[in-house]
Amino acid sequence: MTLLKISNHNIGDEKNSNRLQNALRASKPQVTLDVQLMLIPNLEENVYEAALTKLIAKIQKTSGEVQESPYYLSDRTPVIRAIIPAASLSHYENDPAIYRIEETVFLV
């Protein structure tokens, strides 16, 4: 399957936060990424349930690990936190159920 290119990036990587894009461009790229996968807002509950089931299966299939149960934003949009291999990021960038991908940030 060929991905459509615009300038120097794939269309799907528009979902990545600036912080995540910078981490991927680092001189020594990360092997795994701790990310939060936010689904498209304002969908029906049954659509979210199906999308979450498929997304969790995809995370496991690509050697990733779900870190905790999905949590919900105030508008009921689900977010999954997972550690995924950096090489598998394109599987999530091109997923139509995912609206945004951000690197998980912890306060130190």
Protein backbone atom coordinates (compact mmCIF):
# COMPACT_ATOMS: atom_id res chain seq x y z
CA MET A 1 0.00 0.00 0.00
CA THR A 2 1.39 3.41 -0.94
CA LEU A 3 0.86 6.39 1.32
CA LEU A 4 0.06 9.72 -0.28
CA LYS A 5 2.88 12.18 0.38
CA ILE A 6 2.48 15.94 0.76
CA SER A 7 5.79 17.76 1.06
CA ASN A 8 7.98 15.68 3.41
CA HIS A 9 5.37 13.95 5.55
CA ASN A 10 2.50 11.49 5.34
CA ILE A 11 -1.06 12.77 5.63
CA GLY A 12 -1.63 10.71 8.80
CA ASP A 13 1.17 12.38 10.71
CA GLU A 14 -0.92 15.57 10.88
CA LYS A 15 -2.55 13.89 13.90
CA ASN A 16 0.75 13.97 15.79
CA SER A 17 1.37 16.75 18.30
CA ASN A 18 4.37 19.04 17.74
CA ARG A 19 6.12 17.46 20.74
CA LEU A 20 5.70 13.97 19.26
CA GLN A 21 6.93 15.11 15.83
CA ASN A 22 10.04 16.62 17.44
CA ALA A 23 10.71 13.40 19.38
CA LEU A 24 10.57 11.44 16.12
CA ARG A 25 13.00 13.83 14.41
CA ALA A 26 15.55 13.63 17.24
CA SER A 27 19.09 12.60 16.32
CA LYS A 28 18.63 9.49 18.47
CA PRO A 29 15.00 8.43 17.91
CA GLN A 30 13.12 6.63 20.65
CA VAL A 31 12.50 2.90 20.32
CA THR A 32 9.15 3.10 22.13
CA LEU A 33 6.71 5.94 22.58
CA ASP A 34 4.38 6.61 25.51
CA VAL A 35 1.38 8.12 23.73
CA GLN A 36 -2.21 9.15 24.26
CA LEU A 37 -4.54 8.27 21.40
CA MET A 38 -7.62 10.51 21.35
CA LEU A 39 -10.59 9.32 19.34
CA ILE A 40 -12.73 11.58 17.16
CA PRO A 41 -15.05 13.70 19.36
CA ASN A 42 -18.86 13.58 19.35
CA LEU A 43 -19.49 10.02 18.18
CA GLU A 44 -22.15 7.65 19.47
CA GLU A 45 -21.29 5.43 22.45
CA ASN A 46 -21.60 2.22 20.41
CA VAL A 47 -19.17 3.62 17.82
CA TYR A 48 -16.68 4.41 20.60
CA GLU A 49 -17.04 0.90 22.04
CA ALA A 50 -16.30 -0.71 18.67
CA ALA A 51 -13.40 1.66 17.96
CA LEU A 52 -11.86 1.09 21.41
CA THR A 53 -12.06 -2.68 21.00
CA LYS A 54 -10.32 -2.51 17.61
CA LEU A 55 -7.74 0.00 18.80
CA ILE A 56 -6.79 -2.04 21.86
CA ALA A 57 -6.42 -5.13 19.64
CA LYS A 58 -4.23 -3.12 17.25
CA ILE A 59 -2.01 -1.95 20.13
CA GLN A 60 -1.50 -5.54 21.25
CA LYS A 61 -0.98 -6.80 17.69
CA THR A 62 1.79 -4.24 17.07
CA SER A 63 3.63 -5.24 20.30
CA GLY A 64 2.33 -2.28 22.27
CA GLU A 65 0.96 -2.16 25.80
CA VAL A 66 -2.16 -0.37 26.99
CA GLN A 67 -1.13 1.41 30.20
CA GLU A 68 -4.50 1.88 31.85
CA SER A 69 -8.19 1.71 31.08
CA PRO A 70 -9.35 4.30 28.56
CA TYR A 71 -10.32 7.58 30.18
CA TYR A 72 -12.88 10.08 28.97
CA LEU A 73 -12.61 13.81 28.42
CA SER A 74 -15.40 16.07 29.71
CA ASP A 75 -17.21 15.73 26.35
CA ARG A 76 -17.05 11.88 26.67
CA THR A 77 -14.31 11.52 24.04
CA PRO A 78 -12.22 8.42 24.88
CA VAL A 79 -8.43 8.54 25.20
CA ILE A 80 -6.15 5.50 25.41
CA ARG A 81 -2.67 5.70 26.91
CA ALA A 82 -0.26 3.13 25.50
CA ILE A 83 3.40 2.40 25.02
CA ILE A 84 3.96 1.51 21.37
CA PRO A 85 7.03 0.76 19.26
CA ALA A 86 8.00 3.96 17.43
CA ALA A 87 8.10 1.97 14.19
CA SER A 88 4.38 1.20 14.51
CA LEU A 89 3.26 4.84 14.76
CA SER A 90 2.00 4.93 11.16
CA HIS A 91 -0.58 2.25 12.07
CA TYR A 92 -2.18 4.81 14.37
CA GLU A 93 -1.62 7.91 12.25
CA ASN A 94 -3.72 6.37 9.50
CA ASP A 95 -6.49 5.02 11.73
CA PRO A 96 -9.73 6.86 10.90
CA ALA A 97 -11.02 6.63 14.50
CA ILE A 98 -8.03 8.56 15.90
CA TYR A 99 -8.26 12.33 16.00
CA ARG A 100 -5.02 13.22 17.81
CA ILE A 101 -1.84 11.51 19.01
CA GLU A 102 0.22 13.10 21.77
CA GLU A 103 3.26 11.99 23.68
CA THR A 104 2.41 11.43 27.34
CA VAL A 105 4.02 14.09 29.50
CA PHE A 106 4.74 13.59 33.17
CA LEU A 107 5.46 16.32 35.69
CA VAL A 108 8.89 15.88 37.24
